[in-house]
Amino acid sequence: MSNRDDYVERMKQQLDEWNADLERMEAKLAEAAEPVRSKLEPQLSKVRESYAGARQKLREVRAAGEESWEDLTGDAEHVWKTLRQSINYFKSQLKRPDQE
């Protein structure tokens, strides 16, 4: 397996984990009181957009040739970092109303 294949596989596994996290958070949000849902649904939508961007970046890395895929990793890492931060922030916001 090439370095690119390893990288793509790690990206795919991480996206799968984040998707499962998002599904759990969506379920928790669906059970929340209306004011909480109204406040957090737009944030969840932004997280889902970031997730879609990360999936697109994965497709780009996967489609890149062996010699050019590394050029895309800088952008991919930025997308990853942004998505990770968005998910963590949303998790913290989703927990907060339950604690108040």
PDB file of N, CA and C in Angstrom:
ATOM      1  N   MET A   1       0.854  -1.178   0.000  1.00  0.00           N
ATOM      2  CA  MET A   1       0.000   0.000   0.000  1.00  0.00           C
ATOM      3  C   MET A   1       0.896   1.236   0.000  1.00  0.00           C
ATOM      4  N   SER A   2       0.572   2.219  -0.820  1.00  0.00           N
ATOM      5  CA  SER A   2       1.385   3.432  -0.916  1.00  0.00           C
ATOM      6  C   SER A   2       1.075   4.386   0.231  1.00  0.00           C
ATOM      7  N   ASN A   3       1.928   5.383   0.363  1.00  0.00           N
ATOM      8  CA  ASN A   3       1.693   6.414   1.378  1.00  0.00           C
ATOM      9  C   ASN A   3       0.357   7.113   1.137  1.00  0.00           C
ATOM     10  N   ARG A   4       0.041   7.360  -0.126  1.00  0.00           N
ATOM     11  CA  ARG A   4      -1.232   8.008  -0.448  1.00  0.00           C
ATOM     12  C   ARG A   4      -2.392   7.123  -0.009  1.00  0.00           C
ATOM     13  N   ASP A   5      -2.301   5.831  -0.297  1.00  0.00           N
ATOM     14  CA  ASP A   5      -3.375   4.920   0.106  1.00  0.00           C
ATOM     15  C   ASP A   5      -3.533   4.889   1.627  1.00  0.00           C
ATOM     16  N   ASP A   6      -2.422   4.887   2.339  1.00  0.00           N
ATOM     17  CA  ASP A   6      -2.472   4.928   3.809  1.00  0.00           C
ATOM     18  C   ASP A   6      -3.132   6.214   4.282  1.00  0.00           C
ATOM     19  N   TYR A   7      -2.743   7.325   3.681  1.00  0.00           N
ATOM     20  CA  TYR A   7      -3.285   8.632   4.051  1.00  0.00           C
ATOM     21  C   TYR A   7      -4.793   8.669   3.788  1.00  0.00           C
ATOM     22  N   VAL A   8      -5.202   8.217   2.617  1.00  0.00           N
ATOM     23  CA  VAL A   8      -6.624   8.198   2.260  1.00  0.00           C
ATOM     24  C   VAL A   8      -7.400   7.308   3.220  1.00  0.00           C
ATOM     25  N   GLU A   9      -6.854   6.165   3.571  1.00  0.00           N
ATOM     26  CA  GLU A   9      -7.538   5.252   4.491  1.00  0.00           C
ATOM     27  C   GLU A   9      -7.703   5.896   5.871  1.00  0.00           C
ATOM     28  N   ARG A  10      -6.656   6.561   6.356  1.00  0.00           N
ATOM     29  CA  ARG A  10      -6.761   7.248   7.658  1.00  0.00           C
ATOM     30  C   ARG A  10      -7.810   8.355   7.601  1.00  0.00           C
ATOM     31  N   MET A  11      -7.816   9.109   6.499  1.00  0.00           N
ATOM     32  CA  MET A  11      -8.811  10.174   6.339  1.00  0.00           C
ATOM     33  C   MET A  11     -10.220   9.583   6.341  1.00  0.00           C
ATOM     34  N   LYS A  12     -10.407   8.500   5.604  1.00  0.00           N
ATOM     35  CA  LYS A  12     -11.723   7.869   5.522  1.00  0.00           C
ATOM     36  C   LYS A  12     -12.185   7.369   6.888  1.00  0.00           C
ATOM     37  N   GLN A  13     -11.289   6.737   7.631  1.00  0.00           N
ATOM     38  CA  GLN A  13     -11.651   6.248   8.965  1.00  0.00           C
ATOM     39  C   GLN A  13     -12.035   7.406   9.884  1.00  0.00           C
ATOM     40  N   GLN A  14     -11.291   8.498   9.818  1.00  0.00           N
ATOM     41  CA  GLN A  14     -11.603   9.654  10.659  1.00  0.00           C
ATOM     42  C   GLN A  14     -12.953  10.246  10.275  1.00  0.00           C
ATOM     43  N   LEU A  15     -13.216  10.357   8.978  1.00  0.00           N
ATOM     44  CA  LEU A  15     -14.513  10.869   8.539  1.00  0.00           C
ATOM     45  C   LEU A  15     -15.650   9.971   9.005  1.00  0.00           C
ATOM     46  N   ASP A  16     -15.451   8.670   8.951  1.00  0.00           N
ATOM     47  CA  ASP A  16     -16.473   7.742   9.425  1.00  0.00           C
ATOM     48  C   ASP A  16     -16.751   7.944  10.919  1.00  0.00           C
ATOM     49  N   GLU A  17     -15.694   8.132  11.704  1.00  0.00           N
ATOM     50  CA  GLU A  17     -15.859   8.391  13.144  1.00  0.00           C
ATOM     51  C   GLU A  17     -16.607   9.700  13.378  1.00  0.00           C
ATOM     52  N   TRP A  18     -16.218  10.727  12.643  1.00  0.00           N
ATOM     53  CA  TRP A  18     -16.883  12.020  12.811  1.00  0.00           C
ATOM     54  C   TRP A  18     -18.341  11.958  12.369  1.00  0.00           C
ATOM     55  N   ASN A  19     -18.625  11.201  11.332  1.00  0.00           N
ATOM     56  CA  ASN A  19     -20.003  11.057  10.888  1.00  0.00           C
ATOM     57  C   ASN A  19     -20.840  10.391  11.981  1.00  0.00           C
ATOM     58  N   ALA A  20     -20.295   9.378  12.613  1.00  0.00           N
ATOM     59  CA  ALA A  20     -21.001   8.720  13.719  1.00  0.00           C
ATOM     60  C   ALA A  20     -21.228   9.705  14.871  1.00  0.00           C
ATOM     61  N   ASP A  21     -20.211  10.518  15.169  1.00  0.00           N
ATOM     62  CA  ASP A  21     -20.356  11.553  16.205  1.00  0.00           C
ATOM     63  C   ASP A  21     -21.480  12.515  15.837  1.00  0.00           C
ATOM     64  N   LEU A  22     -21.494  12.949  14.590  1.00  0.00           N
ATOM     65  CA  LEU A  22     -22.519  13.893  14.139  1.00  0.00           C
ATOM     66  C   LEU A  22     -23.912  13.280  14.229  1.00  0.00           C
ATOM     67  N   GLU A  23     -24.031  12.027  13.888  1.00  0.00           N
ATOM     68  CA  GLU A  23     -25.339  11.362  13.997  1.00  0.00           C
ATOM     69  C   GLU A  23     -25.804  11.301  15.445  1.00  0.00           C
ATOM     70  N   ARG A  24     -24.889  11.012  16.366  1.00  0.00           N
ATOM     71  CA  ARG A  24     -25.252  10.991  17.792  1.00  0.00           C
ATOM     72  C   ARG A  24     -25.651  12.400  18.259  1.00  0.00           C
ATOM     73  N   MET A  25     -24.909  13.403  17.818  1.00  0.00           N
ATOM     74  CA  MET A  25     -25.232  14.776  18.215  1.00  0.00           C
ATOM     75  C   MET A  25     -26.560  15.222  17.627  1.00  0.00           C
ATOM     76  N   GLU A  26     -26.847  14.823  16.397  1.00  0.00           N
ATOM     77  CA  GLU A  26     -28.140  15.150  15.786  1.00  0.00           C
ATOM     78  C   GLU A  26     -29.282  14.523  16.581  1.00  0.00           C
ATOM     79  N   ALA A  27     -29.106  13.295  17.018  1.00  0.00           N
ATOM     80  CA  ALA A  27     -30.136  12.621  17.807  1.00  0.00           C
ATOM     81  C   ALA A  27     -30.338  13.338  19.140  1.00  0.00           C
ATOM     82  N   LYS A  28     -29.250  13.731  19.763  1.00  0.00           N
ATOM     83  CA  LYS A  28     -29.345  14.449  21.039  1.00  0.00           C
ATOM     84  C   LYS A  28     -30.017  15.802  20.839  1.00  0.00           C
ATOM     85  N   LEU A  29     -29.678  16.469  19.746  1.00  0.00           N
ATOM     86  CA  LEU A  29     -30.289  17.762  19.458  1.00  0.00           C
ATOM     87  C   LEU A  29     -31.788  17.610  19.205  1.00  0.00           C
ATOM     88  N   ALA A  30     -32.178  16.543  18.539  1.00  0.00           N
ATOM     89  CA  ALA A  30     -33.597  16.303  18.257  1.00  0.00           C
ATOM     90  C   ALA A  30     -34.401  16.139  19.541  1.00  0.00           C
ATOM     91  N   GLU A  31     -33.758  15.668  20.595  1.00  0.00           N
ATOM     92  CA  GLU A  31     -34.434  15.471  21.877  1.00  0.00           C
ATOM     93  C   GLU A  31     -34.399  16.717  22.761  1.00  0.00           C
ATOM     94  N   ALA A  32     -33.620  17.722  22.362  1.00  0.00           N
ATOM     95  CA  ALA A  32     -33.461  18.928  23.181  1.00  0.00           C
ATOM     96  C   ALA A  32     -34.711  19.800  23.100  1.00  0.00           C
ATOM     97  N   ALA A  33     -34.835  20.689  24.071  1.00  0.00           N
ATOM     98  CA  ALA A  33     -35.946  21.632  24.100  1.00  0.00           C
ATOM     99  C   ALA A  33     -35.862  22.567  22.893  1.00  0.00           C
ATOM    100  N   GLU A  34     -37.001  23.108  22.493  1.00  0.00           N
ATOM    101  CA  GLU A  34     -37.080  23.957  21.301  1.00  0.00           C
ATOM    102  C   GLU A  34     -36.084  25.115  21.299  1.00  0.00           C
ATOM    103  N   PRO A  35     -35.933  25.868  22.370  1.00  0.00           N
ATOM    104  CA  PRO A  35     -34.973  26.981  22.300  1.00  0.00           C
ATOM    105  C   PRO A  35     -33.547  26.520  21.998  1.00  0.00           C
ATOM    106  N   VAL A  36     -33.193  25.372  22.524  1.00  0.00           N
ATOM    107  CA  VAL A  36     -31.855  24.820  22.291  1.00  0.00           C
ATOM    108  C   VAL A  36     -31.726  24.409  20.825  1.00  0.00           C
ATOM    109  N   ARG A  37     -32.743  23.716  20.322  1.00  0.00           N
ATOM    110  CA  ARG A  37     -32.711  23.288  18.916  1.00  0.00           C
ATOM    111  C   ARG A  37     -32.604  24.482  17.986  1.00  0.00           C
ATOM    112  N   SER A  38     -33.403  25.495  18.230  1.00  0.00           N
ATOM    113  CA  SER A  38     -33.386  26.682  17.368  1.00  0.00           C
ATOM    114  C   SER A  38     -32.029  27.352  17.361  1.00  0.00           C
ATOM    115  N   LYS A  39     -31.388  27.344  18.501  1.00  0.00           N
ATOM    116  CA  LYS A  39     -30.076  27.977  18.612  1.00  0.00           C
ATOM    117  C   LYS A  39     -28.979  27.149  17.934  1.00  0.00           C
ATOM    118  N   LEU A  40     -29.052  25.845  18.085  1.00  0.00           N
ATOM    119  CA  LEU A  40     -27.944  24.993  17.641  1.00  0.00           C
ATOM    120  C   LEU A  40     -28.100  24.401  16.243  1.00  0.00           C
ATOM    121  N   GLU A  41     -29.308  24.351  15.703  1.00  0.00           N
ATOM    122  CA  GLU A  41     -29.476  23.775  14.367  1.00  0.00           C
ATOM    123  C   GLU A  41     -28.656  24.493  13.295  1.00  0.00           C
ATOM    124  N   PRO A  42     -28.580  25.832  13.308  1.00  0.00           N
ATOM    125  CA  PRO A  42     -27.726  26.492  12.309  1.00  0.00           C
ATOM    126  C   PRO A  42     -26.249  26.120  12.466  1.00  0.00           C
ATOM    127  N   GLN A  43     -25.803  25.940  13.702  1.00  0.00           N
ATOM    128  CA  GLN A  43     -24.415  25.531  13.931  1.00  0.00           C
ATOM    129  C   GLN A  43     -24.177  24.121  13.400  1.00  0.00           C
ATOM    130  N   LEU A  44     -25.136  23.235  13.622  1.00  0.00           N
ATOM    131  CA  LEU A  44     -25.012  21.874  13.116  1.00  0.00           C
ATOM    132  C   LEU A  44     -24.956  21.880  11.591  1.00  0.00           C
ATOM    133  N   SER A  45     -25.733  22.732  10.979  1.00  0.00           N
ATOM    134  CA  SER A  45     -25.714  22.841   9.525  1.00  0.00           C
ATOM    135  C   SER A  45     -24.324  23.250   9.035  1.00  0.00           C
ATOM    136  N   LYS A  46     -23.675  24.164   9.742  1.00  0.00           N
ATOM    137  CA  LYS A  46     -22.319  24.584   9.368  1.00  0.00           C
ATOM    138  C   LYS A  46     -21.316  23.449   9.550  1.00  0.00           C
ATOM    139  N   VAL A  47     -21.493  22.667  10.598  1.00  0.00           N
ATOM    140  CA  VAL A  47     -20.609  21.523  10.816  1.00  0.00           C
ATOM    141  C   VAL A  47     -20.792  20.514   9.684  1.00  0.00           C
ATOM    142  N   ARG A  48     -22.027  20.273   9.285  1.00  0.00           N
ATOM    143  CA  ARG A  48     -22.294  19.346   8.178  1.00  0.00           C
ATOM    144  C   ARG A  48     -21.670  19.868   6.874  1.00  0.00           C
ATOM    145  N   GLU A  49     -21.686  21.180   6.665  1.00  0.00           N
ATOM    146  CA  GLU A  49     -21.038  21.755   5.484  1.00  0.00           C
ATOM    147  C   GLU A  49     -19.532  21.515   5.537  1.00  0.00           C
ATOM    148  N   SER A  50     -18.942  21.686   6.702  1.00  0.00           N
ATOM    149  CA  SER A  50     -17.506  21.421   6.855  1.00  0.00           C
ATOM    150  C   SER A  50     -17.208  19.951   6.595  1.00  0.00           C
ATOM    151  N   TYR A  51     -18.086  19.081   7.070  1.00  0.00           N
ATOM    152  CA  TYR A  51     -17.929  17.653   6.846  1.00  0.00           C
ATOM    153  C   TYR A  51     -17.972  17.347   5.342  1.00  0.00           C
ATOM    154  N   ALA A  52     -18.901  17.965   4.634  1.00  0.00           N
ATOM    155  CA  ALA A  52     -19.001  17.755   3.186  1.00  0.00           C
ATOM    156  C   ALA A  52     -17.733  18.241   2.485  1.00  0.00           C
ATOM    157  N   GLY A  53     -17.172  19.354   2.953  1.00  0.00           N
ATOM    158  CA  GLY A  53     -15.916  19.846   2.392  1.00  0.00           C
ATOM    159  C   GLY A  53     -14.772  18.880   2.619  1.00  0.00           C
ATOM    160  N   ALA A  54     -14.751  18.250   3.774  1.00  0.00           N
ATOM    161  CA  ALA A  54     -13.706  17.271   4.075  1.00  0.00           C
ATOM    162  C   ALA A  54     -13.868  16.034   3.196  1.00  0.00           C
ATOM    163  N   ARG A  55     -15.091  15.617   2.966  1.00  0.00           N
ATOM    164  CA  ARG A  55     -15.322  14.469   2.070  1.00  0.00           C
ATOM    165  C   ARG A  55     -14.863  14.798   0.652  1.00  0.00           C
ATOM    166  N   GLN A  56     -15.118  16.032   0.224  1.00  0.00           N
ATOM    167  CA  GLN A  56     -14.678  16.449  -1.107  1.00  0.00           C
ATOM    168  C   GLN A  56     -13.147  16.442  -1.183  1.00  0.00           C
ATOM    169  N   LYS A  57     -12.499  16.917  -0.148  1.00  0.00           N
ATOM    170  CA  LYS A  57     -11.038  16.932  -0.126  1.00  0.00           C
ATOM    171  C   LYS A  57     -10.506  15.500  -0.179  1.00  0.00           C
ATOM    172  N   LEU A  58     -11.160  14.596   0.501  1.00  0.00           N
ATOM    173  CA  LEU A  58     -10.764  13.181   0.429  1.00  0.00           C
ATOM    174  C   LEU A  58     -10.855  12.670  -1.006  1.00  0.00           C
ATOM    175  N   ARG A  59     -11.931  13.013  -1.689  1.00  0.00           N
ATOM    176  CA  ARG A  59     -12.069  12.590  -3.089  1.00  0.00           C
ATOM    177  C   ARG A  59     -10.942  13.165  -3.943  1.00  0.00           C
ATOM    178  N   GLU A  60     -10.563  14.420  -3.694  1.00  0.00           N
ATOM    179  CA  GLU A  60      -9.485  15.041  -4.463  1.00  0.00           C
ATOM    180  C   GLU A  60      -8.151  14.341  -4.222  1.00  0.00           C
ATOM    181  N   VAL A  61      -7.866  14.031  -2.965  1.00  0.00           N
ATOM    182  CA  VAL A  61      -6.615  13.341  -2.647  1.00  0.00           C
ATOM    183  C   VAL A  61      -6.617  11.956  -3.271  1.00  0.00           C
ATOM    184  N   ARG A  62      -7.740  11.270  -3.176  1.00  0.00           N
ATOM    185  CA  ARG A  62      -7.853   9.927  -3.745  1.00  0.00           C
ATOM    186  C   ARG A  62      -7.645   9.958  -5.265  1.00  0.00           C
ATOM    187  N   ALA A  63      -8.164  10.988  -5.937  1.00  0.00           N
ATOM    188  CA  ALA A  63      -8.077  11.082  -7.395  1.00  0.00           C
ATOM    189  C   ALA A  63      -6.708  11.558  -7.881  1.00  0.00           C
ATOM    190  N   ALA A  64      -5.944  12.184  -7.003  1.00  0.00           N
ATOM    191  CA  ALA A  64      -4.643  12.716  -7.401  1.00  0.00           C
ATOM    192  C   ALA A  64      -3.677  11.580  -7.716  1.00  0.00           C
ATOM    193  N   GLY A  65      -2.773  11.847  -8.607  1.00  0.00           N
ATOM    194  CA  GLY A  65      -1.760  10.855  -8.942  1.00  0.00           C
ATOM    195  C   GLY A  65      -0.765  10.672  -7.814  1.00  0.00           C
ATOM    196  N   GLU A  66      -0.011   9.596  -7.891  1.00  0.00           N
ATOM    197  CA  GLU A  66       0.982   9.281  -6.857  1.00  0.00           C
ATOM    198  C   GLU A  66       1.958  10.430  -6.645  1.00  0.00           C
ATOM    199  N   GLU A  67       2.318  11.127  -7.713  1.00  0.00           N
ATOM    200  CA  GLU A  67       3.321  12.176  -7.592  1.00  0.00           C
ATOM    201  C   GLU A  67       2.744  13.526  -7.150  1.00  0.00           C
ATOM    202  N   SER A  68       1.432  13.714  -7.238  1.00  0.00           N
ATOM    203  CA  SER A  68       0.867  15.032  -6.918  1.00  0.00           C
ATOM    204  C   SER A  68      -0.016  15.068  -5.673  1.00  0.00           C
ATOM    205  N   TRP A  69      -0.313  13.939  -5.076  1.00  0.00           N
ATOM    206  CA  TRP A  69      -1.247  13.926  -3.950  1.00  0.00           C
ATOM    207  C   TRP A  69      -0.708  14.683  -2.751  1.00  0.00           C
ATOM    208  N   GLU A  70       0.611  14.665  -2.560  1.00  0.00           N
ATOM    209  CA  GLU A  70       1.187  15.347  -1.402  1.00  0.00           C
ATOM    210  C   GLU A  70       0.967  16.854  -1.464  1.00  0.00           C
ATOM    211  N   ASP A  71       0.815  17.403  -2.667  1.00  0.00           N
ATOM    212  CA  ASP A  71       0.533  18.830  -2.813  1.00  0.00           C
ATOM    213  C   ASP A  71      -0.809  19.202  -2.191  1.00  0.00           C
ATOM    214  N   LEU A  72      -1.712  18.256  -2.117  1.00  0.00           N
ATOM    215  CA  LEU A  72      -3.049  18.501  -1.575  1.00  0.00           C
ATOM    216  C   LEU A  72      -3.128  18.328  -0.059  1.00  0.00           C
ATOM    217  N   THR A  73      -2.111  17.740   0.530  1.00  0.00           N
ATOM    218  CA  THR A  73      -2.212  17.425   1.957  1.00  0.00           C
ATOM    219  C   THR A  73      -2.261  18.665   2.840  1.00  0.00           C
ATOM    220  N   GLY A  74      -1.620  19.752   2.436  1.00  0.00           N
ATOM    221  CA  GLY A  74      -1.688  20.975   3.236  1.00  0.00           C
ATOM    222  C   GLY A  74      -3.115  21.479   3.351  1.00  0.00           C
ATOM    223  N   ASP A  75      -3.805  21.532   2.199  1.00  0.00           N
ATOM    224  CA  ASP A  75      -5.212  21.934   2.207  1.00  0.00           C
ATOM    225  C   ASP A  75      -6.060  20.939   2.985  1.00  0.00           C
ATOM    226  N   ALA A  76      -5.779  19.672   2.797  1.00  0.00           N
ATOM    227  CA  ALA A  76      -6.542  18.640   3.494  1.00  0.00           C
ATOM    228  C   ALA A  76      -6.381  18.773   5.002  1.00  0.00           C
ATOM    229  N   GLU A  77      -5.171  19.006   5.450  1.00  0.00           N
ATOM    230  CA  GLU A  77      -4.930  19.159   6.890  1.00  0.00           C
ATOM    231  C   GLU A  77      -5.660  20.377   7.453  1.00  0.00           C
ATOM    232  N   HIS A  78      -5.722  21.450   6.674  1.00  0.00           N
ATOM    233  CA  HIS A  78      -6.456  22.641   7.114  1.00  0.00           C
ATOM    234  C   HIS A  78      -7.951  22.333   7.231  1.00  0.00           C
ATOM    235  N   VAL A  79      -8.500  21.644   6.241  1.00  0.00           N
ATOM    236  CA  VAL A  79      -9.915  21.259   6.268  1.00  0.00           C
ATOM    237  C   VAL A  79     -10.182  20.368   7.470  1.00  0.00           C
ATOM    238  N   TRP A  80      -9.268  19.435   7.722  1.00  0.00           N
ATOM    239  CA  TRP A  80      -9.397  18.513   8.860  1.00  0.00           C
ATOM    240  C   TRP A  80      -9.428  19.275  10.180  1.00  0.00           C
ATOM    241  N   LYS A  81      -8.482  20.189  10.340  1.00  0.00           N
ATOM    242  CA  LYS A  81      -8.383  20.959  11.582  1.00  0.00           C
ATOM    243  C   LYS A  81      -9.652  21.778  11.804  1.00  0.00           C
ATOM    244  N   THR A  82     -10.132  22.406  10.744  1.00  0.00           N
ATOM    245  CA  THR A  82     -11.347  23.211  10.850  1.00  0.00           C
ATOM    246  C   THR A  82     -12.544  22.351  11.231  1.00  0.00           C
ATOM    247  N   LEU A  83     -12.675  21.191  10.600  1.00  0.00           N
ATOM    248  CA  LEU A  83     -13.786  20.297  10.916  1.00  0.00           C
ATOM    249  C   LEU A  83     -13.692  19.791  12.350  1.00  0.00           C
ATOM    250  N   ARG A  84     -12.504  19.395  12.776  1.00  0.00           N
ATOM    251  CA  ARG A  84     -12.323  18.912  14.152  1.00  0.00           C
ATOM    252  C   ARG A  84     -12.733  19.994  15.152  1.00  0.00           C
ATOM    253  N   GLN A  85     -12.312  21.235  14.905  1.00  0.00           N
ATOM    254  CA  GLN A  85     -12.669  22.328  15.802  1.00  0.00           C
ATOM    255  C   GLN A  85     -14.176  22.576  15.799  1.00  0.00           C
ATOM    256  N   SER A  86     -14.795  22.513  14.625  1.00  0.00           N
ATOM    257  CA  SER A  86     -16.245  22.719  14.526  1.00  0.00           C
ATOM    258  C   SER A  86     -17.008  21.656  15.301  1.00  0.00           C
ATOM    259  N   ILE A  87     -16.591  20.414  15.152  1.00  0.00           N
ATOM    260  CA  ILE A  87     -17.262  19.326  15.866  1.00  0.00           C
ATOM    261  C   ILE A  87     -17.084  19.484  17.370  1.00  0.00           C
ATOM    262  N   ASN A  88     -15.875  19.769  17.805  1.00  0.00           N
ATOM    263  CA  ASN A  88     -15.628  19.934  19.239  1.00  0.00           C
ATOM    264  C   ASN A  88     -16.412  21.116  19.811  1.00  0.00           C
ATOM    265  N   TYR A  89     -16.492  22.211  19.072  1.00  0.00           N
ATOM    266  CA  TYR A  89     -17.249  23.367  19.539  1.00  0.00           C
ATOM    267  C   TYR A  89     -18.733  23.019  19.633  1.00  0.00           C
ATOM    268  N   PHE A  90     -19.250  22.350  18.605  1.00  0.00           N
ATOM    269  CA  PHE A  90     -20.658  21.983  18.631  1.00  0.00           C
ATOM    270  C   PHE A  90     -20.957  21.048  19.802  1.00  0.00           C
ATOM    271  N   LYS A  91     -20.073  20.083  20.037  1.00  0.00           N
ATOM    272  CA  LYS A  91     -20.256  19.184  21.183  1.00  0.00           C
ATOM    273  C   LYS A  91     -20.347  19.982  22.478  1.00  0.00           C
ATOM    274  N   SER A  92     -19.469  20.961  22.632  1.00  0.00           N
ATOM    275  CA  SER A  92     -19.467  21.753  23.863  1.00  0.00           C
ATOM    276  C   SER A  92     -20.748  22.568  23.995  1.00  0.00           C
ATOM    277  N   GLN A  93     -21.260  23.082  22.888  1.00  0.00           N
ATOM    278  CA  GLN A  93     -22.497  23.850  22.922  1.00  0.00           C
ATOM    279  C   GLN A  93     -23.698  22.956  23.195  1.00  0.00           C
ATOM    280  N   LEU A  94     -23.658  21.753  22.686  1.00  0.00           N
ATOM    281  CA  LEU A  94     -24.763  20.814  22.885  1.00  0.00           C
ATOM    282  C   LEU A  94     -24.813  20.366  24.348  1.00  0.00           C
ATOM    283  N   LYS A  95     -23.680  20.231  24.986  1.00  0.00           N
ATOM    284  CA  LYS A  95     -23.638  19.820  26.383  1.00  0.00           C
ATOM    285  C   LYS A  95     -24.049  20.944  27.317  1.00  0.00           C
ATOM    286  N   ARG A  96     -23.706  22.167  26.965  1.00  0.00           N
ATOM    287  CA  ARG A  96     -23.940  23.307  27.843  1.00  0.00           C
ATOM    288  C   ARG A  96     -25.384  23.485  28.284  1.00  0.00           C
ATOM    289  N   PRO A  97     -26.359  23.469  27.379  1.00  0.00           N
ATOM    290  CA  PRO A  97     -27.743  23.685  27.837  1.00  0.00           C
ATOM    291  C   PRO A  97     -28.207  22.642  28.837  1.00  0.00           C
ATOM    292  N   ASP A  98     -27.719  21.424  28.727  1.00  0.00           N
ATOM    293  CA  ASP A  98     -28.117  20.368  29.670  1.00  0.00           C
ATOM    294  C   ASP A  98     -27.554  20.614  31.057  1.00  0.00           C
ATOM    295  N   GLN A  99     -26.466  21.349  31.126  1.00  0.00           N
ATOM    296  CA  GLN A  99     -25.809  21.581  32.421  1.00  0.00           C
ATOM    297  C   GLN A  99     -26.363  22.808  33.117  1.00  0.00           C
ATOM    298  N   GLU A 100     -27.083  23.629  32.382  1.00  0.00           N
ATOM    299  CA  GLU A 100     -27.580  24.869  32.985  1.00  0.00           C
ATOM    300  C   GLU A 100     -28.887  24.661  33.690  1.00  0.00           C
TER     301      GLU A 100
END
